[in-house]
Amino acid sequence: MVSESEQVVRSSSNDVYEDNQAMKNDSSEDLGKIYTSGENNEYVYIGRTKFLKADLYDAFGGTLQPGLAPPSSHKFANPAPLGLSAFALTTFVLSMFNARAQGITTPNVVVGLAMFYGGLVQLIAGIWEIALENTFGGTALCSYGGFWLSFGAIHIPWFGILSAYEGKEAQLQDALGFYLLGWAIFTFGLTICTMKSTVMFFALFFLLAVTFLLLSIGEFAASVGSTRAGGVLGVIVAFIAWYNAYAGVATRQNSYVLARPFALPTNDHVLI
């Protein structure tokens, strides 16, 4: 006759034995595997951890992380909508000036936005993304926050940047052309990292890269047409950024209108 306590001991011993056997059967290669399961492939296994695919897409929409990534365990609010909103509003205002809307040709009104909203606020949001273990989000938001701070510095007399080119207008145009070209190259690099994310997220970075390129050409060639085209495209980029920000803010609890992510085709293959 086996006592109840002996049955409990045997049961726990069997559980430990089975767990040990499972761990032995699992090869180290399984830790790096990503695969799906379920009737409609609704579950995603990352290593030995199981996630619902819908939750991963929600995590993407809110944490500025291209591809599938589990939500962070940190107790932080989602900083991506803040950074995207700061980028969108500052881009919208400057792009309206570049497009020569209402005949405005002097962009100095945007300096305040560039320093404090597009610059400082976006930089803080990028640092939060790094705290959330989001390398892409932190790199993008901190970098474009730095872009707006540097843009504001160009138009602030205290820095002496424009005054250094007095009487050298041709050099100033070429210098600004290289400045914008560098940002175009950087943005095209980030665009490659969004090719497995969503349509609107990819469109944001791709069109932004083209915007920088058009503005760079406008400076090198002294072409008002290229600058205005960059301004018009920049306005479109601003609205796409607002859309992505809205996707991270709107929930079933606060809105009747949600932004659905449209995922791009993705697989494990790489070209290089």
C-alpha atoms as a PDB file:
ATOM      1  CA  MET A   1       0.000   0.000   0.000  1.00  0.00           C
ATOM      2  CA  VAL A   2       1.622   3.268  -1.174  1.00  0.00           C
ATOM      3  CA  SER A   3       0.964   6.287   0.981  1.00  0.00           C
ATOM      4  CA  GLU A   4      -0.240   9.592  -0.437  1.00  0.00           C
ATOM      5  CA  SER A   5       3.064  11.304   0.398  1.00  0.00           C
ATOM      6  CA  GLU A   6       5.038   8.609  -1.429  1.00  0.00           C
ATOM      7  CA  GLN A   7       2.801   9.104  -4.518  1.00  0.00           C
ATOM      8  CA  VAL A   8       3.515  12.841  -4.480  1.00  0.00           C
ATOM      9  CA  VAL A   9       7.263  12.211  -4.239  1.00  0.00           C
ATOM     10  CA  ARG A  10       7.165   9.717  -7.097  1.00  0.00           C
ATOM     11  CA  SER A  11       5.053  12.072  -9.222  1.00  0.00           C
ATOM     12  CA  SER A  12       7.416  14.988  -8.703  1.00  0.00           C
ATOM     13  CA  SER A  13      10.394  12.735  -9.418  1.00  0.00           C
ATOM     14  CA  ASN A  14       8.809  11.626 -12.678  1.00  0.00           C
ATOM     15  CA  ASP A  15       8.165  15.272 -13.662  1.00  0.00           C
ATOM     16  CA  VAL A  16      11.793  16.206 -13.018  1.00  0.00           C
ATOM     17  CA  TYR A  17      12.978  13.174 -14.991  1.00  0.00           C
ATOM     18  CA  GLU A  18      10.737  14.082 -17.965  1.00  0.00           C
ATOM     19  CA  ASP A  19      11.901  17.713 -17.913  1.00  0.00           C
ATOM     20  CA  ASN A  20      15.518  16.586 -17.889  1.00  0.00           C
ATOM     21  CA  GLN A  21      14.898  14.238 -20.786  1.00  0.00           C
ATOM     22  CA  ALA A  22      13.170  17.035 -22.738  1.00  0.00           C
ATOM     23  CA  MET A  23      16.114  19.333 -22.138  1.00  0.00           C
ATOM     24  CA  LYS A  24      18.510  16.638 -23.352  1.00  0.00           C
ATOM     25  CA  ASN A  25      16.440  16.048 -26.480  1.00  0.00           C
ATOM     26  CA  ASP A  26      16.370  19.760 -27.315  1.00  0.00           C
ATOM     27  CA  SER A  27      19.481  20.632 -29.274  1.00  0.00           C
ATOM     28  CA  SER A  28      21.182  23.974 -28.980  1.00  0.00           C
ATOM     29  CA  GLU A  29      20.084  24.701 -32.543  1.00  0.00           C
ATOM     30  CA  ASP A  30      16.427  24.855 -31.424  1.00  0.00           C
ATOM     31  CA  LEU A  31      17.161  28.016 -29.460  1.00  0.00           C
ATOM     32  CA  GLY A  32      17.664  29.978 -32.674  1.00  0.00           C
ATOM     33  CA  LYS A  33      14.729  28.563 -34.649  1.00  0.00           C
ATOM     34  CA  ILE A  34      11.608  30.587 -35.508  1.00  0.00           C
ATOM     35  CA  TYR A  35       8.580  28.679 -36.770  1.00  0.00           C
ATOM     36  CA  THR A  36       4.775  28.807 -36.732  1.00  0.00           C
ATOM     37  CA  SER A  37       2.009  26.453 -35.682  1.00  0.00           C
ATOM     38  CA  GLY A  38      -1.761  26.318 -35.367  1.00  0.00           C
ATOM     39  CA  GLU A  39      -4.538  25.801 -37.888  1.00  0.00           C
ATOM     40  CA  ASN A  40      -3.898  29.216 -39.492  1.00  0.00           C
ATOM     41  CA  ASN A  41      -0.294  29.600 -38.358  1.00  0.00           C
ATOM     42  CA  GLU A  42      -1.512  31.936 -35.642  1.00  0.00           C
ATOM     43  CA  TYR A  43       1.271  30.985 -33.220  1.00  0.00           C
ATOM     44  CA  VAL A  44       4.944  31.868 -33.548  1.00  0.00           C
ATOM     45  CA  TYR A  45       7.719  30.012 -31.733  1.00  0.00           C
ATOM     46  CA  ILE A  46      10.880  32.030 -31.110  1.00  0.00           C
ATOM     47  CA  GLY A  47      13.319  29.484 -29.766  1.00  0.00           C
ATOM     48  CA  ARG A  48      11.334  27.592 -27.109  1.00  0.00           C
ATOM     49  CA  THR A  49       8.906  30.438 -26.374  1.00  0.00           C
ATOM     50  CA  LYS A  50       5.418  30.541 -27.883  1.00  0.00           C
ATOM     51  CA  PHE A  51       3.723  33.811 -28.919  1.00  0.00           C
ATOM     52  CA  LEU A  52       0.428  34.711 -30.568  1.00  0.00           C
ATOM     53  CA  LYS A  53       1.243  36.288 -33.945  1.00  0.00           C
ATOM     54  CA  ALA A  54      -1.388  39.008 -33.484  1.00  0.00           C
ATOM     55  CA  ASP A  55       0.329  40.112 -30.277  1.00  0.00           C
ATOM     56  CA  LEU A  56       3.637  40.353 -32.087  1.00  0.00           C
ATOM     57  CA  TYR A  57       2.131  42.563 -34.788  1.00  0.00           C
ATOM     58  CA  ASP A  58       0.663  44.777 -32.071  1.00  0.00           C
ATOM     59  CA  ALA A  59       4.106  44.959 -30.533  1.00  0.00           C
ATOM     60  CA  PHE A  60       5.539  45.994 -33.901  1.00  0.00           C
ATOM     61  CA  GLY A  61       2.947  48.700 -34.408  1.00  0.00           C
ATOM     62  CA  GLY A  62       3.672  50.173 -31.045  1.00  0.00           C
ATOM     63  CA  THR A  63       7.402  49.780 -30.476  1.00  0.00           C
ATOM     64  CA  LEU A  64       8.868  50.786 -33.828  1.00  0.00           C
ATOM     65  CA  GLN A  65      10.419  47.350 -34.275  1.00  0.00           C
ATOM     66  CA  PRO A  66      10.491  45.981 -37.826  1.00  0.00           C
ATOM     67  CA  GLY A  67       9.662  42.290 -38.028  1.00  0.00           C
ATOM     68  CA  LEU A  68       8.283  40.127 -35.263  1.00  0.00           C
ATOM     69  CA  ALA A  69       9.450  40.822 -31.722  1.00  0.00           C
ATOM     70  CA  PRO A  70       7.913  39.965 -28.352  1.00  0.00           C
ATOM     71  CA  PRO A  71       6.739  42.889 -26.204  1.00  0.00           C
ATOM     72  CA  SER A  72       9.336  44.136 -23.753  1.00  0.00           C
ATOM     73  CA  SER A  73       9.030  43.218 -20.086  1.00  0.00           C
ATOM     74  CA  HIS A  74      10.077  46.695 -18.955  1.00  0.00           C
ATOM     75  CA  LYS A  75       7.517  48.859 -17.184  1.00  0.00           C
ATOM     76  CA  PHE A  76       7.660  51.758 -19.647  1.00  0.00           C
ATOM     77  CA  ALA A  77       4.929  53.326 -21.716  1.00  0.00           C
ATOM     78  CA  ASN A  78       5.297  53.087 -25.484  1.00  0.00           C
ATOM     79  CA  PRO A  79       7.575  55.969 -26.610  1.00  0.00           C
ATOM     80  CA  ALA A  80       7.302  55.393 -30.367  1.00  0.00           C
ATOM     81  CA  PRO A  81       4.116  57.461 -30.986  1.00  0.00           C
ATOM     82  CA  LEU A  82       5.711  60.407 -29.196  1.00  0.00           C
ATOM     83  CA  GLY A  83       8.847  60.242 -31.318  1.00  0.00           C
ATOM     84  CA  LEU A  84       6.888  59.741 -34.529  1.00  0.00           C
ATOM     85  CA  SER A  85       4.567  62.634 -33.717  1.00  0.00           C
ATOM     86  CA  ALA A  86       7.511  64.940 -33.034  1.00  0.00           C
ATOM     87  CA  PHE A  87       9.079  63.914 -36.319  1.00  0.00           C
ATOM     88  CA  ALA A  88       5.817  64.269 -38.245  1.00  0.00           C
ATOM     89  CA  LEU A  89       4.885  67.775 -37.089  1.00  0.00           C
ATOM     90  CA  THR A  90       8.367  69.234 -37.577  1.00  0.00           C
ATOM     91  CA  THR A  91       8.658  67.577 -40.999  1.00  0.00           C
ATOM     92  CA  PHE A  92       5.240  68.898 -42.000  1.00  0.00           C
ATOM     93  CA  VAL A  93       6.071  72.518 -41.164  1.00  0.00           C
ATOM     94  CA  LEU A  94       9.498  72.515 -42.829  1.00  0.00           C
ATOM     95  CA  SER A  95       8.156  70.681 -45.882  1.00  0.00           C
ATOM     96  CA  MET A  96       5.413  73.274 -46.325  1.00  0.00           C
ATOM     97  CA  PHE A  97       8.140  75.920 -46.406  1.00  0.00           C
ATOM     98  CA  ASN A  98      10.221  73.885 -48.873  1.00  0.00           C
ATOM     99  CA  ALA A  99       7.151  73.512 -51.085  1.00  0.00           C
ATOM    100  CA  ARG A 100       6.845  77.330 -51.078  1.00  0.00           C
ATOM    101  CA  ALA A 101       3.319  77.152 -49.641  1.00  0.00           C
ATOM    102  CA  GLN A 102       1.772  80.633 -49.415  1.00  0.00           C
ATOM    103  CA  GLY A 103       4.968  82.012 -50.936  1.00  0.00           C
ATOM    104  CA  ILE A 104       7.044  81.476 -47.752  1.00  0.00           C
ATOM    105  CA  THR A 105      10.749  81.081 -48.479  1.00  0.00           C
ATOM    106  CA  THR A 106      12.316  81.685 -45.045  1.00  0.00           C
ATOM    107  CA  PRO A 107      12.172  78.533 -42.846  1.00  0.00           C
ATOM    108  CA  ASN A 108      13.286  80.097 -39.538  1.00  0.00           C
ATOM    109  CA  VAL A 109       9.887  79.607 -37.876  1.00  0.00           C
ATOM    110  CA  VAL A 110      10.611  75.884 -37.800  1.00  0.00           C
ATOM    111  CA  VAL A 111      13.726  76.398 -35.651  1.00  0.00           C
ATOM    112  CA  GLY A 112      11.745  76.262 -32.395  1.00  0.00           C
ATOM    113  CA  LEU A 113      10.076  73.023 -33.441  1.00  0.00           C
ATOM    114  CA  ALA A 114      13.363  71.589 -34.647  1.00  0.00           C
ATOM    115  CA  MET A 115      15.110  72.290 -31.337  1.00  0.00           C
ATOM    116  CA  PHE A 116      12.439  71.332 -28.819  1.00  0.00           C
ATOM    117  CA  TYR A 117       9.851  69.018 -30.414  1.00  0.00           C
ATOM    118  CA  GLY A 118      11.466  67.326 -33.400  1.00  0.00           C
ATOM    119  CA  GLY A 119      14.861  67.474 -31.689  1.00  0.00           C
ATOM    120  CA  LEU A 120      14.719  67.208 -27.904  1.00  0.00           C
ATOM    121  CA  VAL A 121      11.440  65.287 -27.542  1.00  0.00           C
ATOM    122  CA  GLN A 122      12.323  62.831 -30.306  1.00  0.00           C
ATOM    123  CA  LEU A 123      15.770  62.291 -28.797  1.00  0.00           C
ATOM    124  CA  ILE A 124      14.201  61.470 -25.423  1.00  0.00           C
ATOM    125  CA  ALA A 125      11.781  59.050 -27.107  1.00  0.00           C
ATOM    126  CA  GLY A 126      14.724  57.353 -28.808  1.00  0.00           C
ATOM    127  CA  ILE A 127      16.507  56.904 -25.496  1.00  0.00           C
ATOM    128  CA  TRP A 128      13.349  55.274 -24.120  1.00  0.00           C
ATOM    129  CA  GLU A 129      13.354  52.917 -27.097  1.00  0.00           C
ATOM    130  CA  ILE A 130      16.904  51.873 -26.176  1.00  0.00           C
ATOM    131  CA  ALA A 131      15.722  51.233 -22.610  1.00  0.00           C
ATOM    132  CA  LEU A 132      13.025  49.001 -24.119  1.00  0.00           C
ATOM    133  CA  GLU A 133      15.772  47.000 -25.859  1.00  0.00           C
ATOM    134  CA  ASN A 134      14.693  48.239 -29.290  1.00  0.00           C
ATOM    135  CA  THR A 135      17.890  48.881 -31.233  1.00  0.00           C
ATOM    136  CA  PHE A 136      16.205  49.973 -34.461  1.00  0.00           C
ATOM    137  CA  GLY A 137      13.765  52.323 -32.736  1.00  0.00           C
ATOM    138  CA  GLY A 138      16.483  53.879 -30.612  1.00  0.00           C
ATOM    139  CA  THR A 139      18.783  54.346 -33.605  1.00  0.00           C
ATOM    140  CA  ALA A 140      16.090  55.904 -35.788  1.00  0.00           C
ATOM    141  CA  LEU A 141      14.511  58.248 -33.254  1.00  0.00           C
ATOM    142  CA  CYS A 142      17.770  59.403 -31.668  1.00  0.00           C
ATOM    143  CA  SER A 143      19.317  59.976 -35.092  1.00  0.00           C
ATOM    144  CA  TYR A 144      16.456  62.050 -36.459  1.00  0.00           C
ATOM    145  CA  GLY A 145      16.237  63.897 -33.169  1.00  0.00           C
ATOM    146  CA  GLY A 146      19.885  64.762 -33.736  1.00  0.00           C
ATOM    147  CA  PHE A 147      19.059  65.802 -37.306  1.00  0.00           C
ATOM    148  CA  TRP A 148      16.501  68.327 -36.149  1.00  0.00           C
ATOM    149  CA  LEU A 149      18.815  69.683 -33.452  1.00  0.00           C
ATOM    150  CA  SER A 150      21.584  70.118 -36.029  1.00  0.00           C
ATOM    151  CA  PHE A 151      19.162  71.737 -38.475  1.00  0.00           C
ATOM    152  CA  GLY A 152      18.074  74.196 -35.824  1.00  0.00           C
ATOM    153  CA  ALA A 153      21.713  74.955 -35.000  1.00  0.00           C
ATOM    154  CA  ILE A 154      22.391  75.882 -38.639  1.00  0.00           C
ATOM    155  CA  HIS A 155      19.761  78.637 -38.448  1.00  0.00           C
ATOM    156  CA  ILE A 156      20.682  79.960 -34.995  1.00  0.00           C
ATOM    157  CA  PRO A 157      23.164  82.868 -35.340  1.00  0.00           C
ATOM    158  CA  TRP A 158      24.875  81.974 -32.049  1.00  0.00           C
ATOM    159  CA  PHE A 159      26.420  78.881 -33.690  1.00  0.00           C
ATOM    160  CA  GLY A 160      27.928  80.988 -36.463  1.00  0.00           C
ATOM    161  CA  ILE A 161      27.347  78.362 -39.150  1.00  0.00           C
ATOM    162  CA  LEU A 162      25.636  80.536 -41.766  1.00  0.00           C
ATOM    163  CA  SER A 163      27.801  83.558 -40.986  1.00  0.00           C
ATOM    164  CA  ALA A 164      30.892  81.494 -41.804  1.00  0.00           C
ATOM    165  CA  TYR A 165      29.690  81.302 -45.414  1.00  0.00           C
ATOM    166  CA  GLU A 166      29.028  85.007 -45.929  1.00  0.00           C
ATOM    167  CA  GLY A 167      30.148  85.844 -49.443  1.00  0.00           C
ATOM    168  CA  LYS A 168      30.515  82.121 -50.201  1.00  0.00           C
ATOM    169  CA  GLU A 169      26.948  81.256 -51.169  1.00  0.00           C
ATOM    170  CA  ALA A 170      28.046  78.577 -53.653  1.00  0.00           C
ATOM    171  CA  GLN A 171      30.018  76.786 -50.948  1.00  0.00           C
ATOM    172  CA  LEU A 172      27.046  77.015 -48.594  1.00  0.00           C
ATOM    173  CA  GLN A 173      24.785  75.320 -51.130  1.00  0.00           C
ATOM    174  CA  ASP A 174      27.286  72.521 -51.708  1.00  0.00           C
ATOM    175  CA  ALA A 175      27.822  72.107 -47.953  1.00  0.00           C
ATOM    176  CA  LEU A 176      24.076  71.813 -47.362  1.00  0.00           C
ATOM    177  CA  GLY A 177      23.918  69.403 -50.299  1.00  0.00           C
ATOM    178  CA  PHE A 178      26.473  67.096 -48.668  1.00  0.00           C
ATOM    179  CA  TYR A 179      24.632  67.466 -45.337  1.00  0.00           C
ATOM    180  CA  LEU A 180      21.331  66.341 -46.862  1.00  0.00           C
ATOM    181  CA  LEU A 181      22.989  63.656 -49.005  1.00  0.00           C
ATOM    182  CA  GLY A 182      24.475  62.075 -45.883  1.00  0.00           C
ATOM    183  CA  TRP A 183      21.039  61.872 -44.308  1.00  0.00           C
ATOM    184  CA  ALA A 184      19.651  60.368 -47.516  1.00  0.00           C
ATOM    185  CA  ILE A 185      22.279  57.603 -47.454  1.00  0.00           C
ATOM    186  CA  PHE A 186      21.601  56.900 -43.774  1.00  0.00           C
ATOM    187  CA  THR A 187      17.845  56.759 -44.357  1.00  0.00           C
ATOM    188  CA  PHE A 188      18.191  54.382 -47.299  1.00  0.00           C
ATOM    189  CA  GLY A 189      20.175  52.128 -44.959  1.00  0.00           C
ATOM    190  CA  LEU A 190      17.363  52.141 -42.417  1.00  0.00           C
ATOM    191  CA  THR A 191      14.864  51.492 -45.207  1.00  0.00           C
ATOM    192  CA  ILE A 192      16.562  48.171 -45.936  1.00  0.00           C
ATOM    193  CA  CYS A 193      15.895  47.199 -42.312  1.00  0.00           C
ATOM    194  CA  THR A 194      12.137  47.772 -42.755  1.00  0.00           C
ATOM    195  CA  MET A 195      11.599  45.488 -45.741  1.00  0.00           C
ATOM    196  CA  LYS A 196      10.044  42.776 -43.554  1.00  0.00           C
ATOM    197  CA  SER A 197       7.831  45.075 -41.479  1.00  0.00           C
ATOM    198  CA  THR A 198       4.602  46.727 -42.696  1.00  0.00           C
ATOM    199  CA  VAL A 199       3.634  48.697 -45.792  1.00  0.00           C
ATOM    200  CA  MET A 200       3.241  52.047 -44.025  1.00  0.00           C
ATOM    201  CA  PHE A 201       6.422  51.646 -41.993  1.00  0.00           C
ATOM    202  CA  PHE A 202       8.467  50.814 -45.085  1.00  0.00           C
ATOM    203  CA  ALA A 203       6.847  53.665 -47.010  1.00  0.00           C
ATOM    204  CA  LEU A 204       7.785  56.112 -44.235  1.00  0.00           C
ATOM    205  CA  PHE A 205      11.516  55.451 -44.484  1.00  0.00           C
ATOM    206  CA  PHE A 206      11.665  54.944 -48.242  1.00  0.00           C
ATOM    207  CA  LEU A 207       9.860  58.189 -49.054  1.00  0.00           C
ATOM    208  CA  LEU A 208      11.853  60.034 -46.400  1.00  0.00           C
ATOM    209  CA  ALA A 209      15.085  58.885 -48.060  1.00  0.00           C
ATOM    210  CA  VAL A 210      13.816  60.114 -51.437  1.00  0.00           C
ATOM    211  CA  THR A 211      12.843  63.422 -49.799  1.00  0.00           C
ATOM    212  CA  PHE A 212      16.375  63.927 -48.474  1.00  0.00           C
ATOM    213  CA  LEU A 213      17.764  63.040 -51.908  1.00  0.00           C
ATOM    214  CA  LEU A 214      15.531  65.589 -53.676  1.00  0.00           C
ATOM    215  CA  LEU A 215      16.470  68.310 -51.201  1.00  0.00           C
ATOM    216  CA  SER A 216      20.151  67.442 -51.663  1.00  0.00           C
ATOM    217  CA  ILE A 217      19.817  67.715 -55.442  1.00  0.00           C
ATOM    218  CA  GLY A 218      18.019  71.013 -54.963  1.00  0.00           C
ATOM    219  CA  GLU A 219      21.026  72.385 -53.076  1.00  0.00           C
ATOM    220  CA  PHE A 220      23.705  71.019 -55.408  1.00  0.00           C
ATOM    221  CA  ALA A 221      21.922  72.151 -58.586  1.00  0.00           C
ATOM    222  CA  ALA A 222      20.344  75.288 -57.097  1.00  0.00           C
ATOM    223  CA  SER A 223      17.057  73.839 -58.353  1.00  0.00           C
ATOM    224  CA  VAL A 224      13.924  75.327 -56.850  1.00  0.00           C
ATOM    225  CA  GLY A 225      11.905  72.608 -58.574  1.00  0.00           C
ATOM    226  CA  SER A 226      13.774  69.788 -56.818  1.00  0.00           C
ATOM    227  CA  THR A 227      13.457  71.559 -53.467  1.00  0.00           C
ATOM    228  CA  ARG A 228       9.719  72.069 -53.959  1.00  0.00           C
ATOM    229  CA  ALA A 229       9.306  68.421 -55.002  1.00  0.00           C
ATOM    230  CA  GLY A 230      11.133  67.413 -51.832  1.00  0.00           C
ATOM    231  CA  GLY A 231       8.819  69.659 -49.852  1.00  0.00           C
ATOM    232  CA  VAL A 232       5.677  68.108 -51.339  1.00  0.00           C
ATOM    233  CA  LEU A 233       6.980  64.602 -50.728  1.00  0.00           C
ATOM    234  CA  GLY A 234       7.974  65.634 -47.199  1.00  0.00           C
ATOM    235  CA  VAL A 235       4.375  66.600 -46.455  1.00  0.00           C
ATOM    236  CA  ILE A 236       3.301  63.101 -47.524  1.00  0.00           C
ATOM    237  CA  VAL A 237       6.014  61.611 -45.296  1.00  0.00           C
ATOM    238  CA  ALA A 238       4.707  63.662 -42.362  1.00  0.00           C
ATOM    239  CA  PHE A 239       1.191  62.233 -42.738  1.00  0.00           C
ATOM    240  CA  ILE A 240       2.584  58.687 -43.008  1.00  0.00           C
ATOM    241  CA  ALA A 241       4.533  59.303 -39.788  1.00  0.00           C
ATOM    242  CA  TRP A 242       1.346  60.535 -38.110  1.00  0.00           C
ATOM    243  CA  TYR A 243      -0.407  57.378 -39.300  1.00  0.00           C
ATOM    244  CA  ASN A 244       2.269  55.177 -37.736  1.00  0.00           C
ATOM    245  CA  ALA A 245       2.081  57.215 -34.537  1.00  0.00           C
ATOM    246  CA  TYR A 246      -1.702  56.785 -34.468  1.00  0.00           C
ATOM    247  CA  ALA A 247      -1.258  53.035 -34.901  1.00  0.00           C
ATOM    248  CA  GLY A 248       0.653  52.982 -31.618  1.00  0.00           C
ATOM    249  CA  VAL A 249      -1.835  55.167 -29.715  1.00  0.00           C
ATOM    250  CA  ALA A 250      -5.268  53.994 -30.852  1.00  0.00           C
ATOM    251  CA  THR A 251      -6.677  50.983 -28.990  1.00  0.00           C
ATOM    252  CA  ARG A 252     -10.086  49.367 -28.625  1.00  0.00           C
ATOM    253  CA  GLN A 253     -10.366  51.069 -25.269  1.00  0.00           C
ATOM    254  CA  ASN A 254      -9.928  54.659 -26.506  1.00  0.00           C
ATOM    255  CA  SER A 255     -11.035  54.736 -30.148  1.00  0.00           C
ATOM    256  CA  TYR A 256     -13.573  53.336 -32.583  1.00  0.00           C
ATOM    257  CA  VAL A 257     -11.066  53.697 -35.418  1.00  0.00           C
ATOM    258  CA  LEU A 258      -7.926  51.520 -35.382  1.00  0.00           C
ATOM    259  CA  ALA A 259      -4.951  51.478 -37.735  1.00  0.00           C
ATOM    260  CA  ARG A 260      -4.474  47.947 -39.043  1.00  0.00           C
ATOM    261  CA  PRO A 261      -0.918  46.907 -39.947  1.00  0.00           C
ATOM    262  CA  PHE A 262      -0.482  45.450 -43.439  1.00  0.00           C
ATOM    263  CA  ALA A 263       2.486  43.133 -43.158  1.00  0.00           C
ATOM    264  CA  LEU A 264       4.974  42.815 -45.987  1.00  0.00           C
ATOM    265  CA  PRO A 265       5.931  39.302 -47.138  1.00  0.00           C
ATOM    266  CA  THR A 266       8.590  37.870 -44.877  1.00  0.00           C
ATOM    267  CA  ASN A 267      10.746  34.758 -44.724  1.00  0.00           C
ATOM    268  CA  ASP A 268      14.106  33.631 -43.388  1.00  0.00           C
ATOM    269  CA  HIS A 269      15.985  34.110 -46.665  1.00  0.00           C
ATOM    270  CA  VAL A 270      18.645  36.792 -47.099  1.00  0.00           C
ATOM    271  CA  LEU A 271      20.450  37.970 -50.239  1.00  0.00           C
ATOM    272  CA  ILE A 272      23.904  38.288 -48.701  1.00  0.00           C
END
